[in-house]
Amino acid sequence: MRRILLVVTSVVALSGLAACGGGGEAGGAGDGGGTSSTITMTDNEFVPSDPAIAAGEVELVNDGEAPHTFTVEGSDVDVEVEAGASSTTTIDLEPGTYTLFCRFHRSQGMEGTLTVEA
């Protein structure tokens, strides 16, 4: 069984970083197709809403006005990102689909499906 490796580095986001997170630059993934290396958290949603990633490093950008978490159900992945900040995490999960949610805003619908590809 694989272990979950989690490395987190927080960086205060500058206006240029915020601009790169909101333009659909997440590998062109939109709401489902293609792998992403950047996942943006806004107020009560992930962009893309159902991200597909390759195992490895993923950038998490919080363009929202509140803190958010990148939490993967059934795993130890639980990264909190302050408003206006970004974080880089390394995901080492088995290929498959997982429920992704924000612990703070799940009841407001901040939930999606994370697909980890081989």
Protein backbone atom coordinates (compact mmCIF):
# COMPACT_ATOMS: atom_id res chain seq x y z
CA MET A 1 0.00 0.00 0.00
CA ARG A 2 1.27 3.46 -0.83
CA ARG A 3 1.82 6.08 1.82
CA ILE A 4 0.46 9.57 1.61
CA LEU A 5 3.26 12.11 1.36
CA LEU A 6 2.29 15.66 2.22
CA VAL A 7 4.60 18.65 1.87
CA VAL A 8 3.11 22.08 2.46
CA THR A 9 4.63 25.49 1.84
CA SER A 10 2.50 28.59 2.35
CA VAL A 11 3.17 31.72 0.34
CA VAL A 12 1.41 35.04 0.57
CA ALA A 13 -0.24 35.52 -2.82
CA LEU A 14 0.44 38.67 -4.76
CA SER A 15 -2.05 40.13 -7.22
CA GLY A 16 -0.24 38.40 -10.10
CA LEU A 17 -0.64 35.03 -8.41
CA ALA A 18 -4.33 35.63 -7.82
CA ALA A 19 -4.74 36.45 -11.50
CA CYS A 20 -3.17 33.18 -12.59
CA GLY A 21 -5.59 31.13 -10.49
CA GLY A 22 -8.88 32.43 -11.83
CA GLY A 23 -8.35 32.21 -15.57
CA GLY A 24 -8.95 28.49 -16.05
CA GLU A 25 -5.23 27.94 -16.27
CA ALA A 26 -5.57 24.69 -14.38
CA GLY A 27 -4.16 22.67 -17.25
CA GLY A 28 -7.15 23.69 -19.35
CA ALA A 29 -9.20 21.28 -17.30
CA GLY A 30 -12.36 23.36 -16.94
CA ASP A 31 -14.89 21.22 -15.09
CA GLY A 32 -13.42 17.83 -15.68
CA GLY A 33 -11.14 17.09 -18.66
CA GLY A 34 -7.36 16.86 -18.47
CA THR A 35 -4.96 16.82 -15.57
CA SER A 36 -4.39 19.87 -13.43
CA SER A 37 -1.36 21.09 -11.55
CA THR A 38 -3.23 24.03 -10.00
CA ILE A 39 -6.50 23.95 -8.08
CA THR A 40 -8.09 27.25 -7.14
CA MET A 41 -10.39 27.69 -4.16
CA THR A 42 -12.85 30.55 -4.31
CA ASP A 43 -15.79 31.30 -2.09
CA ASN A 44 -17.53 27.92 -1.83
CA GLU A 45 -16.12 26.18 -4.91
CA PHE A 46 -13.06 24.49 -6.35
CA VAL A 47 -11.89 25.42 -9.85
CA PRO A 48 -11.96 23.06 -11.64
CA SER A 49 -14.91 21.68 -9.66
CA ASP A 50 -13.92 18.04 -10.29
CA PRO A 51 -10.14 18.18 -10.75
CA ALA A 52 -8.06 15.41 -12.26
CA ILE A 53 -4.43 15.36 -11.16
CA ALA A 54 -1.38 13.20 -11.64
CA ALA A 55 0.18 12.03 -8.40
CA GLY A 56 2.81 14.55 -7.42
CA GLU A 57 3.00 18.25 -6.75
CA VAL A 58 -0.19 20.35 -6.88
CA GLU A 59 -0.48 24.08 -6.29
CA LEU A 60 -3.48 25.20 -4.21
CA VAL A 61 -4.51 28.84 -4.69
CA ASN A 62 -7.07 30.50 -2.43
CA ASP A 63 -8.71 33.34 -4.37
CA GLY A 64 -11.53 33.49 -1.83
CA GLU A 65 -12.11 35.90 1.02
CA ALA A 66 -12.05 33.18 3.70
CA PRO A 67 -9.69 30.33 4.59
CA HIS A 68 -10.39 27.05 2.78
CA THR A 69 -9.17 23.48 3.07
CA PHE A 70 -8.23 20.96 0.41
CA THR A 71 -9.43 17.83 2.18
CA VAL A 72 -9.58 14.37 0.61
CA GLU A 73 -12.06 12.05 2.32
CA GLY A 74 -10.59 8.77 3.54
CA SER A 75 -7.00 10.03 3.46
CA ASP A 76 -4.61 12.14 5.51
CA VAL A 77 -4.71 14.94 2.91
CA ASP A 78 -6.03 18.04 4.68
CA VAL A 79 -4.34 21.31 3.71
CA GLU A 80 -5.60 24.65 5.04
CA VAL A 81 -4.92 27.69 2.85
CA GLU A 82 -5.53 31.20 4.16
CA ALA A 83 -7.41 33.76 2.07
CA GLY A 84 -5.09 35.35 -0.48
CA ALA A 85 -2.42 32.67 -0.08
CA SER A 86 -1.23 29.62 -1.95
CA SER A 87 0.24 26.31 -0.89
CA THR A 88 2.05 23.54 -2.69
CA THR A 89 1.33 19.97 -1.67
CA THR A 90 2.56 16.62 -2.92
CA ILE A 91 -0.19 14.05 -3.42
CA ASP A 92 0.78 10.39 -3.40
CA LEU A 93 -2.56 8.59 -3.51
CA GLU A 94 -3.48 5.44 -5.38
CA PRO A 95 -5.05 6.17 -8.79
CA GLY A 96 -8.83 6.47 -8.44
CA THR A 97 -11.57 8.88 -7.48
CA TYR A 98 -11.93 10.54 -4.11
CA THR A 99 -14.35 12.98 -2.51
CA LEU A 100 -12.73 16.41 -2.22
CA PHE A 101 -14.16 19.05 0.13
CA CYS A 102 -13.49 22.12 2.24
CA ARG A 103 -14.01 21.39 5.95
CA PHE A 104 -15.23 24.96 6.50
CA HIS A 105 -17.69 25.18 3.58
CA ARG A 106 -18.80 21.65 2.76
CA SER A 107 -22.33 22.42 3.97
CA GLN A 108 -22.43 25.30 1.44
CA GLY A 109 -21.62 22.87 -1.39
CA MET A 110 -17.82 23.15 -1.54
CA GLU A 111 -17.31 19.54 -2.53
CA GLY A 112 -16.24 17.73 -5.69
CA THR A 113 -14.61 14.62 -7.05
CA LEU A 114 -10.82 14.41 -7.20
CA THR A 115 -9.46 11.97 -9.77
CA VAL A 116 -5.87 10.84 -9.26
CA GLU A 117 -4.40 9.43 -12.45
CA ALA A 118 -1.49 7.02 -12.72
